[in-house]
Amino acid sequence: MRRPRIALGVLIAGLTACAVGPNFKRPAPPKTTTYGTAPMAGQTASTESAGGDPQRFVADMDIPSQWWMLFKSPSLNQMVEEALKANPNVGAAQAALRQAHELYLAQRTSFFPNIQAGVTGDRSEFPAATLTSPITTPSNVYSLYTAQLTLSYTPDIFGATRRAVEMTKAQEAATRFQLEATYLTLSSNVVATAVQEASLRGQIAATKRLLELQHQLTDKVQKQRALGTVSDLDVLAQQGLEAQTAQTLPPLQKQLDQTRDALSALLGRLPSEEPADTFQLADLTLPVSDRGR
């Protein structure tokens, strides 16, 4: 009797070793350190203005999770936090992660036996005069209770269940990374939109100032024409330059309105519910790295 048992044990062990599919191995990261064919510059160009210091790139340095606080703008910090709470894409990504986690927990139950239990009751009446003597059964009403217990278990001989659990676990991890990507994409879009708004406001302010100076210059040319020192051609040329500058103002204003609408959408609001806070270039501080100095 020992030989058949030993043979059966060896057979079961051999079948268990024949798992479905190979074990997962994490692929090696790419060896490249740049995103493009051209090498990345060590620093940006500098300008002789406020905040015009060159920016340096540090490839092997980690940034904080709340990286937008490096701009030192309370309004920007508040908008990013509001976007992370109110944007519907974040809610959808969080719901997808909860669903993936529940599917993983449900798949793990495949390792355990399946137990089903039930109890049924029945109360019946039969014709006592024809089937049973009244002396034997004084009542023609009786109750019948039935209890049932079912136990089933499927052994994971070839590892199919284990691979299925590993697959749902990997899907949960992928969904978690998608949620992190949603956080990163949303926060970066809010910051980029805020910077774009500040840039457009700066361009509009500079255009209005330039238009004001050109209007003053036009008045001076017209006075010179009244004195006879310049011709009508000079006056028309100056008026044309002023008109060309004025034409660049409406497109900038339109871009600013579109940027404000985009910012409202990122915050989970309607275009009519745009935030009260606005952004200027002077309100933003360029991030500074001690290692990059």
Protein backbone atom coordinates (compact mmCIF):
# COMPACT_ATOMS: atom_id res chain seq x y z
CA MET A 1 0.00 0.00 0.00
CA ARG A 2 2.95 2.34 0.46
CA ARG A 3 3.98 2.33 -3.18
CA PRO A 4 0.64 3.59 -4.53
CA ARG A 5 0.58 6.32 -1.90
CA ILE A 6 4.10 7.42 -2.75
CA ALA A 7 3.29 7.40 -6.44
CA LEU A 8 0.14 9.43 -5.81
CA GLY A 9 2.10 11.99 -3.75
CA VAL A 10 4.75 12.32 -6.46
CA LEU A 11 2.04 12.76 -9.08
CA ILE A 12 0.31 15.49 -7.08
CA ALA A 13 3.61 17.26 -6.45
CA GLY A 14 4.45 17.09 -10.16
CA LEU A 15 1.09 18.47 -11.16
CA THR A 16 1.44 21.29 -8.63
CA ALA A 17 4.82 22.20 -10.08
CA CYS A 18 3.26 22.57 -13.54
CA ALA A 19 1.92 26.05 -12.88
CA VAL A 20 0.11 27.98 -15.59
CA GLY A 21 2.35 30.66 -17.12
CA PRO A 22 5.77 31.92 -16.03
CA ASN A 23 6.42 33.92 -12.88
CA PHE A 24 6.29 37.66 -13.37
CA LYS A 25 9.62 39.47 -13.51
CA ARG A 26 9.79 43.22 -13.36
CA PRO A 27 11.38 44.56 -16.57
CA ALA A 28 14.54 46.60 -16.26
CA PRO A 29 14.10 50.38 -16.62
CA PRO A 30 15.46 52.02 -19.79
CA LYS A 31 19.08 53.07 -19.61
CA THR A 32 18.53 56.41 -21.32
CA THR A 33 18.54 59.60 -19.24
CA THR A 34 16.96 62.01 -21.74
CA TYR A 35 13.64 62.22 -23.56
CA GLY A 36 14.94 63.56 -26.85
CA THR A 37 17.82 63.05 -29.21
CA ALA A 38 19.47 66.34 -28.29
CA PRO A 39 21.17 66.56 -24.89
CA MET A 40 19.30 68.57 -22.29
CA ALA A 41 20.82 71.95 -21.50
CA GLY A 42 22.26 72.42 -18.04
CA GLN A 43 20.39 75.66 -17.45
CA THR A 44 18.09 78.13 -19.13
CA ALA A 45 19.00 81.59 -20.39
CA SER A 46 18.94 84.51 -17.99
CA THR A 47 17.45 87.98 -18.39
CA GLU A 48 18.15 91.28 -16.68
CA SER A 49 14.80 91.52 -14.93
CA ALA A 50 13.08 90.43 -11.74
CA GLY A 51 13.12 86.65 -11.56
CA GLY A 52 15.33 86.40 -14.62
CA ASP A 53 17.94 84.17 -13.02
CA PRO A 54 18.75 81.01 -15.01
CA GLN A 55 16.93 77.82 -14.09
CA ARG A 56 18.99 74.64 -13.68
CA PHE A 57 17.93 71.06 -14.36
CA VAL A 58 18.85 68.34 -11.86
CA ALA A 59 17.96 64.94 -13.33
CA ASP A 60 18.55 62.76 -10.26
CA MET A 61 16.78 64.94 -7.70
CA ASP A 62 13.36 64.17 -6.25
CA ILE A 63 10.74 66.87 -5.87
CA PRO A 64 8.19 67.05 -3.02
CA SER A 65 4.75 65.57 -3.54
CA GLN A 66 3.17 69.02 -3.19
CA TRP A 67 5.60 70.53 -5.65
CA TRP A 68 3.32 73.45 -6.54
CA MET A 69 4.08 75.01 -3.14
CA LEU A 70 7.55 75.87 -4.46
CA PHE A 71 5.93 78.78 -6.31
CA LYS A 72 5.01 80.30 -2.90
CA SER A 73 1.55 81.40 -4.00
CA PRO A 74 -1.28 80.85 -1.47
CA SER A 75 -3.89 81.29 -4.22
CA LEU A 76 -2.22 78.65 -6.37
CA ASN A 77 -2.01 76.23 -3.43
CA GLN A 78 -5.70 76.71 -2.69
CA MET A 79 -6.71 76.14 -6.31
CA VAL A 80 -4.69 72.96 -6.64
CA GLU A 81 -6.21 71.57 -3.45
CA GLU A 82 -9.70 72.49 -4.67
CA ALA A 83 -9.07 70.84 -8.03
CA LEU A 84 -7.89 67.62 -6.36
CA LYS A 85 -11.10 67.53 -4.33
CA ALA A 86 -13.70 68.73 -6.84
CA ASN A 87 -12.48 67.62 -10.27
CA PRO A 88 -14.69 64.75 -11.55
CA ASN A 89 -11.72 62.93 -13.09
CA VAL A 90 -10.25 62.41 -9.63
CA GLY A 91 -13.52 60.98 -8.36
CA ALA A 92 -13.71 58.62 -11.33
CA ALA A 93 -10.12 57.45 -10.78
CA GLN A 94 -10.79 56.87 -7.08
CA ALA A 95 -13.92 54.87 -7.88
CA ALA A 96 -11.95 52.78 -10.40
CA LEU A 97 -9.36 52.02 -7.73
CA ARG A 98 -12.02 50.94 -5.25
CA GLN A 99 -13.56 48.70 -7.89
CA ALA A 100 -10.19 47.13 -8.72
CA HIS A 101 -9.54 46.48 -5.02
CA GLU A 102 -12.93 44.83 -4.53
CA LEU A 103 -12.37 42.66 -7.60
CA TYR A 104 -9.05 41.56 -6.15
CA LEU A 105 -10.66 40.65 -2.84
CA ALA A 106 -13.40 38.76 -4.66
CA GLN A 107 -10.83 36.84 -6.72
CA ARG A 108 -8.94 35.85 -3.56
CA THR A 109 -11.98 33.94 -2.35
CA SER A 110 -11.18 31.32 -5.01
CA PHE A 111 -8.59 29.89 -2.61
CA PHE A 112 -11.25 29.04 -0.02
CA PRO A 113 -14.02 26.43 -0.07
CA ASN A 114 -17.46 27.43 -1.19
CA ILE A 115 -20.02 26.79 1.54
CA GLN A 116 -23.74 27.14 0.96
CA ALA A 117 -26.33 26.53 3.67
CA GLY A 118 -30.07 26.80 3.69
CA VAL A 119 -33.11 25.93 5.77
CA THR A 120 -36.62 25.57 4.42
CA GLY A 121 -39.87 25.05 6.31
CA ASP A 122 -43.22 23.77 5.15
CA ARG A 123 -46.54 23.47 6.93
CA SER A 124 -49.05 21.18 5.23
CA GLU A 125 -52.42 19.58 5.77
CA PHE A 126 -53.54 16.19 4.52
CA PRO A 127 -56.93 14.43 4.54
CA ALA A 128 -56.69 12.53 7.81
CA ALA A 129 -59.91 10.60 7.23
CA THR A 130 -58.59 8.82 4.12
CA LEU A 131 -54.81 8.51 4.70
CA THR A 132 -54.27 8.22 8.46
CA SER A 133 -56.38 6.98 11.30
CA PRO A 134 -57.48 9.68 13.73
CA ILE A 135 -56.28 7.47 16.60
CA THR A 136 -52.69 7.46 15.31
CA THR A 137 -52.53 11.13 14.26
CA PRO A 138 -54.89 13.38 16.13
CA SER A 139 -54.12 16.40 13.86
CA ASN A 140 -54.08 16.54 10.08
CA VAL A 141 -51.64 19.54 10.05
CA TYR A 142 -47.90 18.94 10.20
CA SER A 143 -44.64 20.92 9.73
CA LEU A 144 -41.62 19.81 7.71
CA TYR A 145 -38.17 21.43 8.12
CA THR A 146 -35.27 20.68 5.80
CA ALA A 147 -31.67 21.81 6.39
CA GLN A 148 -29.09 21.63 3.61
CA LEU A 149 -25.33 22.21 3.65
CA THR A 150 -23.18 22.13 0.52
CA LEU A 151 -19.38 22.28 0.58
CA SER A 152 -17.34 22.46 -2.61
CA TYR A 153 -13.66 23.15 -3.22
CA THR A 154 -11.60 23.24 -6.39
CA PRO A 155 -7.91 22.56 -5.78
CA ASP A 156 -5.52 24.85 -7.63
CA ILE A 157 -3.41 22.07 -9.10
CA PHE A 158 -2.07 23.89 -12.16
CA GLY A 159 -1.96 27.38 -10.61
CA ALA A 160 -4.72 28.92 -12.72
CA THR A 161 -6.39 30.42 -9.65
CA ARG A 162 -3.11 31.79 -8.41
CA ARG A 163 -2.42 33.44 -11.76
CA ALA A 164 -5.91 34.94 -11.81
CA VAL A 165 -5.35 36.45 -8.36
CA GLU A 166 -1.98 37.81 -9.49
CA MET A 167 -3.64 39.36 -12.53
CA THR A 168 -6.30 41.16 -10.46
CA LYS A 169 -3.59 42.32 -8.05
CA ALA A 170 -1.58 43.73 -10.97
CA GLN A 171 -4.72 45.43 -12.31
CA GLU A 172 -5.25 47.06 -8.92
CA ALA A 173 -1.65 48.31 -8.92
CA ALA A 174 -2.06 49.68 -12.45
CA THR A 175 -5.25 51.46 -11.41
CA ARG A 176 -3.44 52.97 -8.43
CA PHE A 177 -0.74 54.33 -10.74
CA GLN A 178 -3.48 55.75 -12.97
CA LEU A 179 -4.88 57.57 -9.95
CA GLU A 180 -1.44 59.00 -9.18
CA ALA A 181 -1.13 60.04 -12.83
CA THR A 182 -4.50 61.78 -12.53
CA TYR A 183 -3.25 63.71 -9.50
CA LEU A 184 -0.03 64.68 -11.27
CA THR A 185 -1.74 65.63 -14.54
CA LEU A 186 -4.44 67.67 -12.82
CA SER A 187 -2.05 69.56 -10.55
CA SER A 188 0.35 70.30 -13.41
CA ASN A 189 -2.51 71.53 -15.62
CA VAL A 190 -3.72 73.86 -12.87
CA VAL A 191 -0.22 75.27 -12.38
CA ALA A 192 0.40 75.60 -16.13
CA THR A 193 -2.95 77.33 -16.61
CA ALA A 194 -2.23 79.72 -13.74
CA VAL A 195 1.18 80.56 -15.18
CA GLN A 196 -0.39 81.09 -18.59
CA GLU A 197 -2.96 83.43 -17.05
CA ALA A 198 -0.20 85.41 -15.33
CA SER A 199 1.72 85.60 -18.61
CA LEU A 200 -1.33 86.83 -20.53
CA ARG A 201 -2.08 89.46 -17.90
CA GLY A 202 1.49 90.63 -18.17
CA GLN A 203 1.24 90.83 -21.96
CA ILE A 204 -2.05 92.71 -21.73
CA ALA A 205 -0.59 95.17 -19.24
CA ALA A 206 2.49 95.71 -21.43
CA THR A 207 0.30 96.16 -24.54
CA LYS A 208 -1.91 98.70 -22.78
CA ARG A 209 1.16 100.60 -21.62
CA LEU A 210 2.60 100.53 -25.12
CA LEU A 211 -0.72 101.68 -26.54
CA GLU A 212 -0.81 104.54 -24.05
CA LEU A 213 2.70 105.67 -25.03
CA GLN A 214 1.88 105.46 -28.72
CA HIS A 215 -1.27 107.51 -28.16
CA GLN A 216 0.81 110.17 -26.44
CA LEU A 217 3.26 110.07 -29.34
CA THR A 218 0.38 110.46 -31.80
CA ASP A 219 -0.81 113.57 -29.97
CA LYS A 220 2.69 115.03 -30.14
CA VAL A 221 2.97 114.30 -33.87
CA GLN A 222 -0.41 115.94 -34.45
CA LYS A 223 0.78 119.03 -32.54
CA GLN A 224 3.92 119.06 -34.63
CA ARG A 225 1.76 118.86 -37.75
CA ALA A 226 -0.19 121.88 -36.52
CA LEU A 227 3.09 123.75 -36.18
CA GLY A 228 4.14 122.61 -39.64
CA THR A 229 7.23 120.67 -38.62
CA VAL A 230 5.93 117.30 -39.89
CA SER A 231 3.73 116.24 -42.78
CA ASP A 232 0.40 114.45 -42.92
CA LEU A 233 2.24 111.30 -43.94
CA ASP A 234 4.05 111.26 -40.59
CA VAL A 235 0.76 111.64 -38.75
CA LEU A 236 -0.85 108.81 -40.70
CA ALA A 237 2.16 106.56 -40.12
CA GLN A 238 2.01 107.12 -36.37
CA GLN A 239 -1.74 106.55 -36.31
CA GLY A 240 -1.21 103.29 -38.22
CA LEU A 241 1.31 102.08 -35.63
CA GLU A 242 -1.12 102.89 -32.85
CA ALA A 243 -3.92 101.01 -34.63
CA GLN A 244 -1.69 97.96 -35.14
CA THR A 245 -0.90 97.87 -31.44
CA ALA A 246 -4.58 98.21 -30.56
CA GLN A 247 -5.39 95.22 -32.80
CA THR A 248 -3.18 92.92 -30.70
CA LEU A 249 -5.17 93.61 -27.52
CA PRO A 250 -8.49 91.76 -28.30
CA PRO A 251 -6.78 88.41 -29.13
CA LEU A 252 -4.87 88.57 -25.84
CA GLN A 253 -8.07 89.30 -23.96
CA LYS A 254 -9.78 86.39 -25.70
CA GLN A 255 -6.94 84.03 -24.71
CA LEU A 256 -7.22 85.26 -21.14
CA ASP A 257 -10.96 84.52 -21.06
CA GLN A 258 -10.36 81.05 -22.49
CA THR A 259 -7.65 80.43 -19.90
CA ARG A 260 -10.00 81.45 -17.10
CA ASP A 261 -12.66 79.08 -18.45
CA ALA A 262 -10.11 76.26 -18.59
CA LEU A 263 -9.09 76.97 -15.00
CA SER A 264 -12.74 76.86 -13.91
CA ALA A 265 -13.17 73.49 -15.64
CA LEU A 266 -10.08 72.11 -13.88
CA LEU A 267 -11.60 73.17 -10.56
CA GLY A 268 -14.81 71.30 -11.38
CA ARG A 269 -16.80 74.49 -11.90
CA LEU A 270 -18.89 75.95 -14.67
CA PRO A 271 -17.48 78.84 -16.76
CA SER A 272 -19.88 81.20 -14.99
CA GLU A 273 -18.39 80.16 -11.62
CA GLU A 274 -14.80 81.18 -12.25
CA PRO A 275 -12.64 81.72 -9.14
CA ALA A 276 -12.22 85.20 -7.72
CA ASP A 277 -8.44 84.91 -7.37
CA THR A 278 -6.31 86.01 -10.30
CA PHE A 279 -2.62 85.48 -11.04
CA GLN A 280 0.12 87.95 -11.83
CA LEU A 281 3.74 87.18 -12.66
CA ALA A 282 4.83 89.12 -9.60
CA ASP A 283 2.80 86.75 -7.37
CA LEU A 284 4.75 83.66 -8.51
CA THR A 285 8.24 82.74 -7.37
CA LEU A 286 10.44 80.49 -9.45
CA PRO A 287 11.45 77.31 -7.58
CA VAL A 288 14.99 77.40 -6.22
CA SER A 289 17.15 74.30 -5.78
CA ASP A 290 20.10 74.37 -3.41
CA ARG A 291 21.72 71.53 -5.33
CA GLY A 292 21.37 73.39 -8.61
CA ARG A 293 23.36 76.41 -7.42
